[in-house]
Amino acid sequence: MARCIFLLLFLPIIVKSYSQTNSNKMPQKMDLYLLIGQSNMAGRGLIDVENAQKGSPDLWMMSKTGEWMPAKHPLHFDKPKLVGAGPGLAFGIEMLLHNHQPIGLIPCAVGGTSINSWQPGGYDSATKTHPFDDALVRLQKGLESGELKGIIWHQGEADSPEDKRKDYLEKLAVLIERWRSLVHNPKLPFVAGEIGHFNEVHKAFNKALDALPTKVKNTAIASAIDLMDKGDHLHFDAGSANELGKRYATKMLELQKHF
């Protein structure tokens, strides 16, 4: 009798403990999204109490070592001393509002990289990484847990000068086709984000980038208009990074709706 009373008294605690342990149980299948580009995709916004946005039990991220874990800031790991809040988490949370399938984010951005680094064999000397090749390895690992539903890309600060941006769209088109070919999906949604409207060079780059949907089908542009930098005229602050993530999701959903 005493044993029964003991169990009845502690049953709520046992049930609560079990629920907490299993609240982040790894789903068997997820909708996957590849997050690529340079530092503003990786995130450089300050993570503090106000913007320490948490994910949800249905939102996952791939760690540096290729393991799935609950998504939270920071998603990326390219430069551990600099990485912070980027658009990826807000993107995932927004996508979940319109999605019944768990989502897996595959963060692969590398700060400072040119689009030239995002091709097979491309090398970034600052991080001693191969951005495209490394992302491909991570994607292949991720595909064991789901299907790639789209790519979000934020890169261009390194290629914003006039001599570099003149053939940027052609290089980006090749990059998009390469990813689509690798996953055997010629209509894979691809959303590119504008870089910050922080100076005239960036604005000129965005004007060129905005033509992407007229050049490559099933692509869209996430606007960076009115977003704020963190004081360096280069990187979005945390609030703006979160807003950009929502804009990425809006464009991704529009593409998915039509295809």
Protein backbone atom coordinates (compact mmCIF):
# COMPACT_ATOMS: atom_id res chain seq x y z
CA MET A 1 0.00 0.00 0.00
CA ALA A 2 2.79 2.38 0.95
CA ARG A 3 4.50 1.65 -2.38
CA CYS A 4 1.27 2.50 -4.27
CA ILE A 5 0.92 5.79 -2.40
CA PHE A 6 4.55 6.63 -3.22
CA LEU A 7 3.99 6.00 -6.93
CA LEU A 8 0.79 8.05 -6.98
CA LEU A 9 2.53 10.97 -5.30
CA PHE A 10 5.48 10.99 -7.68
CA LEU A 11 3.69 9.96 -10.90
CA PRO A 12 3.17 13.57 -12.06
CA ILE A 13 6.89 14.22 -11.62
CA ILE A 14 7.80 11.06 -13.53
CA VAL A 15 5.40 11.93 -16.38
CA LYS A 16 6.72 15.50 -16.55
CA SER A 17 10.31 14.30 -16.63
CA TYR A 18 9.53 11.81 -19.40
CA SER A 19 7.72 14.50 -21.40
CA GLN A 20 10.67 16.90 -21.12
CA THR A 21 13.12 14.20 -22.16
CA ASN A 22 11.10 13.32 -25.24
CA SER A 23 9.91 16.82 -26.24
CA ASN A 24 12.84 17.12 -28.63
CA LYS A 25 12.69 13.62 -30.05
CA MET A 26 14.35 13.47 -33.45
CA PRO A 27 11.67 13.27 -36.21
CA GLN A 28 11.95 10.48 -38.76
CA LYS A 29 11.51 12.81 -41.73
CA MET A 30 11.96 16.55 -42.20
CA ASP A 31 11.68 19.25 -44.82
CA LEU A 32 15.26 20.45 -45.29
CA TYR A 33 16.55 23.92 -46.13
CA LEU A 34 20.12 24.79 -47.05
CA LEU A 35 21.44 28.09 -45.65
CA ILE A 36 24.43 29.34 -47.67
CA GLY A 37 26.34 32.54 -48.32
CA GLN A 38 28.60 34.74 -46.25
CA SER A 39 28.54 36.52 -42.89
CA ASN A 40 25.04 38.00 -42.90
CA MET A 41 23.61 34.53 -43.47
CA ALA A 42 25.86 33.09 -40.78
CA GLY A 43 24.71 35.91 -38.50
CA ARG A 44 26.61 38.66 -36.75
CA GLY A 45 23.77 40.17 -34.70
CA LEU A 46 24.11 40.37 -30.93
CA ILE A 47 22.43 37.51 -29.10
CA ASP A 48 20.96 38.91 -25.90
CA VAL A 49 17.92 38.30 -23.70
CA GLU A 50 15.68 40.37 -25.96
CA ASN A 51 16.45 38.56 -29.21
CA ALA A 52 17.55 35.14 -27.98
CA GLN A 53 14.81 33.62 -30.07
CA LYS A 54 14.29 29.92 -29.41
CA GLY A 55 13.04 27.46 -31.97
CA SER A 56 10.32 24.86 -31.49
CA PRO A 57 10.18 21.08 -31.01
CA ASP A 58 9.67 20.77 -34.77
CA LEU A 59 12.62 22.96 -35.79
CA TRP A 60 16.06 21.39 -36.00
CA MET A 61 19.55 22.43 -37.04
CA MET A 62 22.56 20.45 -38.15
CA SER A 63 25.54 20.99 -35.87
CA LYS A 64 29.12 21.49 -37.00
CA THR A 65 29.72 17.77 -36.52
CA GLY A 66 26.69 16.79 -38.60
CA GLU A 67 24.34 15.91 -35.76
CA TRP A 68 20.75 17.14 -35.51
CA MET A 69 19.90 19.31 -32.52
CA PRO A 70 17.07 21.70 -31.57
CA ALA A 71 17.49 24.96 -33.50
CA LYS A 72 18.62 28.07 -31.64
CA HIS A 73 20.93 31.06 -32.10
CA PRO A 74 23.62 30.83 -33.30
CA LEU A 75 22.93 28.41 -36.13
CA HIS A 76 26.32 28.81 -37.76
CA PHE A 77 29.88 28.13 -36.66
CA ASP A 78 32.07 29.59 -39.43
CA LYS A 79 33.86 32.05 -37.16
CA PRO A 80 33.03 31.11 -33.55
CA LYS A 81 34.24 34.40 -32.05
CA LEU A 82 32.04 36.46 -34.39
CA VAL A 83 28.98 34.37 -35.11
CA GLY A 84 25.65 35.59 -33.77
CA ALA A 85 22.01 36.04 -34.71
CA GLY A 86 21.26 35.58 -38.39
CA PRO A 87 18.08 35.17 -40.46
CA GLY A 88 17.97 31.36 -40.43
CA LEU A 89 16.13 30.79 -37.16
CA ALA A 90 13.35 33.29 -37.88
CA PHE A 91 13.06 31.78 -41.36
CA GLY A 92 12.55 28.31 -39.92
CA ILE A 93 10.02 29.46 -37.32
CA GLU A 94 8.00 31.32 -39.96
CA MET A 95 8.04 28.34 -42.31
CA LEU A 96 6.69 26.14 -39.53
CA LEU A 97 3.63 28.36 -39.24
CA HIS A 98 2.63 27.20 -42.72
CA ASN A 99 4.06 23.70 -42.59
CA HIS A 100 2.94 20.51 -40.90
CA GLN A 101 6.26 18.76 -41.46
CA PRO A 102 9.23 19.19 -39.06
CA ILE A 103 11.97 21.36 -40.52
CA GLY A 104 15.70 20.76 -40.58
CA LEU A 105 18.03 23.71 -41.22
CA ILE A 106 21.47 22.98 -42.67
CA PRO A 107 23.70 26.00 -41.91
CA CYS A 108 26.71 26.24 -44.24
CA ALA A 109 27.48 29.96 -44.66
CA VAL A 110 31.09 31.17 -44.41
CA GLY A 111 31.79 34.80 -43.58
CA GLY A 112 33.84 36.84 -46.03
CA THR A 113 33.50 34.44 -48.95
CA SER A 114 33.17 35.50 -52.56
CA ILE A 115 30.81 33.70 -54.89
CA ASN A 116 33.97 32.27 -56.48
CA SER A 117 34.45 30.19 -53.33
CA TRP A 118 31.04 28.62 -53.87
CA GLN A 119 32.00 26.24 -56.62
CA PRO A 120 33.52 22.75 -56.51
CA GLY A 121 37.06 22.99 -55.19
CA GLY A 122 36.62 26.60 -54.06
CA TYR A 123 38.74 27.46 -51.03
CA ASP A 124 38.47 30.12 -48.33
CA SER A 125 41.89 30.79 -46.85
CA ALA A 126 40.56 32.75 -43.86
CA THR A 127 38.61 29.78 -42.48
CA LYS A 128 40.61 27.07 -44.26
CA THR A 129 37.38 25.61 -45.60
CA HIS A 130 35.91 24.62 -48.95
CA PRO A 131 32.48 26.30 -48.76
CA PHE A 132 30.74 24.47 -51.61
CA ASP A 133 32.34 21.09 -51.01
CA ASP A 134 31.71 21.25 -47.27
CA ALA A 135 28.09 22.28 -47.81
CA LEU A 136 27.61 19.37 -50.20
CA VAL A 137 28.90 16.90 -47.60
CA ARG A 138 26.52 18.35 -45.02
CA LEU A 139 23.60 18.26 -47.43
CA GLN A 140 24.27 14.63 -48.28
CA LYS A 141 24.22 13.85 -44.57
CA GLY A 142 21.00 15.80 -44.16
CA LEU A 143 19.26 13.98 -46.99
CA GLU A 144 19.32 10.87 -44.84
CA SER A 145 16.69 12.62 -42.72
CA GLY A 146 14.48 14.29 -45.30
CA GLU A 147 14.09 16.08 -48.61
CA LEU A 148 15.61 19.41 -49.65
CA LYS A 149 12.72 21.84 -50.11
CA GLY A 150 14.63 25.01 -50.80
CA ILE A 151 17.78 27.11 -50.50
CA ILE A 152 18.23 30.56 -48.99
CA TRP A 153 21.31 32.48 -50.07
CA HIS A 154 22.79 35.67 -48.65
CA GLN A 155 26.06 36.70 -50.22
CA GLY A 156 27.33 39.66 -52.18
CA GLU A 157 29.13 42.07 -49.90
CA ALA A 158 32.42 40.57 -51.12
CA ASP A 159 31.31 40.94 -54.74
CA SER A 160 29.60 44.34 -54.57
CA PRO A 161 32.36 46.45 -56.27
CA GLU A 162 31.55 47.23 -59.89
CA ASP A 163 34.30 45.09 -61.41
CA LYS A 164 33.05 42.03 -59.50
CA ARG A 165 29.30 42.45 -59.79
CA LYS A 166 29.20 42.76 -63.58
CA ASP A 167 29.10 38.98 -64.08
CA TYR A 168 27.63 38.10 -60.68
CA LEU A 169 24.24 36.98 -61.97
CA GLU A 170 25.83 34.60 -64.45
CA LYS A 171 27.87 33.01 -61.66
CA LEU A 172 24.83 32.81 -59.41
CA ALA A 173 22.79 31.15 -62.15
CA VAL A 174 25.48 28.48 -62.51
CA LEU A 175 25.48 27.96 -58.74
CA ILE A 176 21.70 27.53 -58.64
CA GLU A 177 21.73 25.07 -61.53
CA ARG A 178 24.50 23.09 -59.85
CA TRP A 179 22.54 22.63 -56.63
CA ARG A 180 19.36 21.76 -58.50
CA SER A 181 21.19 19.20 -60.57
CA LEU A 182 22.74 17.60 -57.50
CA VAL A 183 19.33 16.99 -55.91
CA HIS A 184 17.64 16.16 -59.23
CA ASN A 185 15.10 18.96 -58.87
CA PRO A 186 15.17 21.55 -61.69
CA LYS A 187 12.49 23.60 -59.89
CA LEU A 188 14.07 23.68 -56.44
CA PRO A 189 13.06 27.04 -54.89
CA PHE A 190 15.96 29.43 -54.39
CA VAL A 191 15.65 32.74 -52.54
CA ALA A 192 18.50 35.25 -52.59
CA GLY A 193 18.57 38.09 -50.09
CA GLU A 194 19.55 41.64 -50.85
CA ILE A 195 22.60 42.90 -48.99
CA GLY A 196 22.12 45.85 -46.65
CA HIS A 197 21.22 49.16 -48.28
CA PHE A 198 24.03 50.78 -46.33
CA ASN A 199 25.92 52.55 -49.13
CA GLU A 200 25.71 53.31 -52.84
CA VAL A 201 27.87 50.33 -53.82
CA HIS A 202 25.53 47.95 -52.00
CA LYS A 203 22.50 49.59 -53.58
CA ALA A 204 24.01 49.15 -57.03
CA PHE A 205 24.66 45.48 -56.28
CA ASN A 206 21.07 44.99 -55.15
CA LYS A 207 19.79 46.60 -58.33
CA ALA A 208 21.67 43.97 -60.32
CA LEU A 209 20.65 41.13 -57.98
CA ASP A 210 16.97 42.05 -58.23
CA ALA A 211 16.99 40.90 -61.86
CA LEU A 212 17.64 37.27 -60.81
CA PRO A 213 13.98 36.11 -61.14
CA THR A 214 13.96 37.30 -64.75
CA LYS A 215 17.07 35.23 -65.47
CA VAL A 216 16.44 32.02 -63.49
CA LYS A 217 13.02 30.42 -63.00
CA ASN A 218 11.66 29.67 -59.54
CA THR A 219 13.89 32.16 -57.79
CA ALA A 220 12.95 35.17 -55.69
CA ILE A 221 14.53 38.09 -53.87
CA ALA A 222 14.11 38.86 -50.17
CA SER A 223 14.28 42.61 -49.79
CA ALA A 224 16.62 44.24 -47.27
CA ILE A 225 14.97 47.66 -47.54
CA ASP A 226 14.73 49.53 -44.22
CA LEU A 227 16.82 46.96 -42.36
CA MET A 228 19.42 48.28 -39.94
CA ASP A 229 23.10 47.53 -39.49
CA LYS A 230 24.68 46.88 -36.11
CA GLY A 231 26.88 49.95 -36.39
CA ASP A 232 29.47 48.73 -38.88
CA HIS A 233 27.56 49.57 -42.09
CA LEU A 234 27.91 45.95 -43.11
CA HIS A 235 26.16 43.46 -40.83
CA PHE A 236 22.49 43.40 -39.86
CA ASP A 237 21.63 43.84 -36.22
CA ALA A 238 19.71 41.00 -34.58
CA GLY A 239 16.27 42.53 -35.08
CA SER A 240 16.90 43.14 -38.76
CA ALA A 241 18.34 39.65 -39.22
CA ASN A 242 15.14 38.20 -37.76
CA GLU A 243 13.02 40.39 -40.03
CA LEU A 244 15.06 39.30 -43.04
CA GLY A 245 14.44 35.68 -42.07
CA LYS A 246 10.70 36.28 -42.17
CA ARG A 247 11.04 37.90 -45.59
CA TYR A 248 12.96 34.87 -46.82
CA ALA A 249 10.11 32.67 -45.62
CA THR A 250 7.47 34.79 -47.35
CA LYS A 251 9.29 34.47 -50.67
CA MET A 252 10.00 30.77 -50.19
CA LEU A 253 6.32 30.09 -49.52
CA GLU A 254 5.33 32.03 -52.62
CA LEU A 255 7.67 29.93 -54.76
CA GLN A 256 6.48 26.69 -53.23
CA LYS A 257 2.87 27.66 -53.81
CA HIS A 258 3.39 28.08 -57.54
CA PHE A 259 5.50 25.00 -58.12
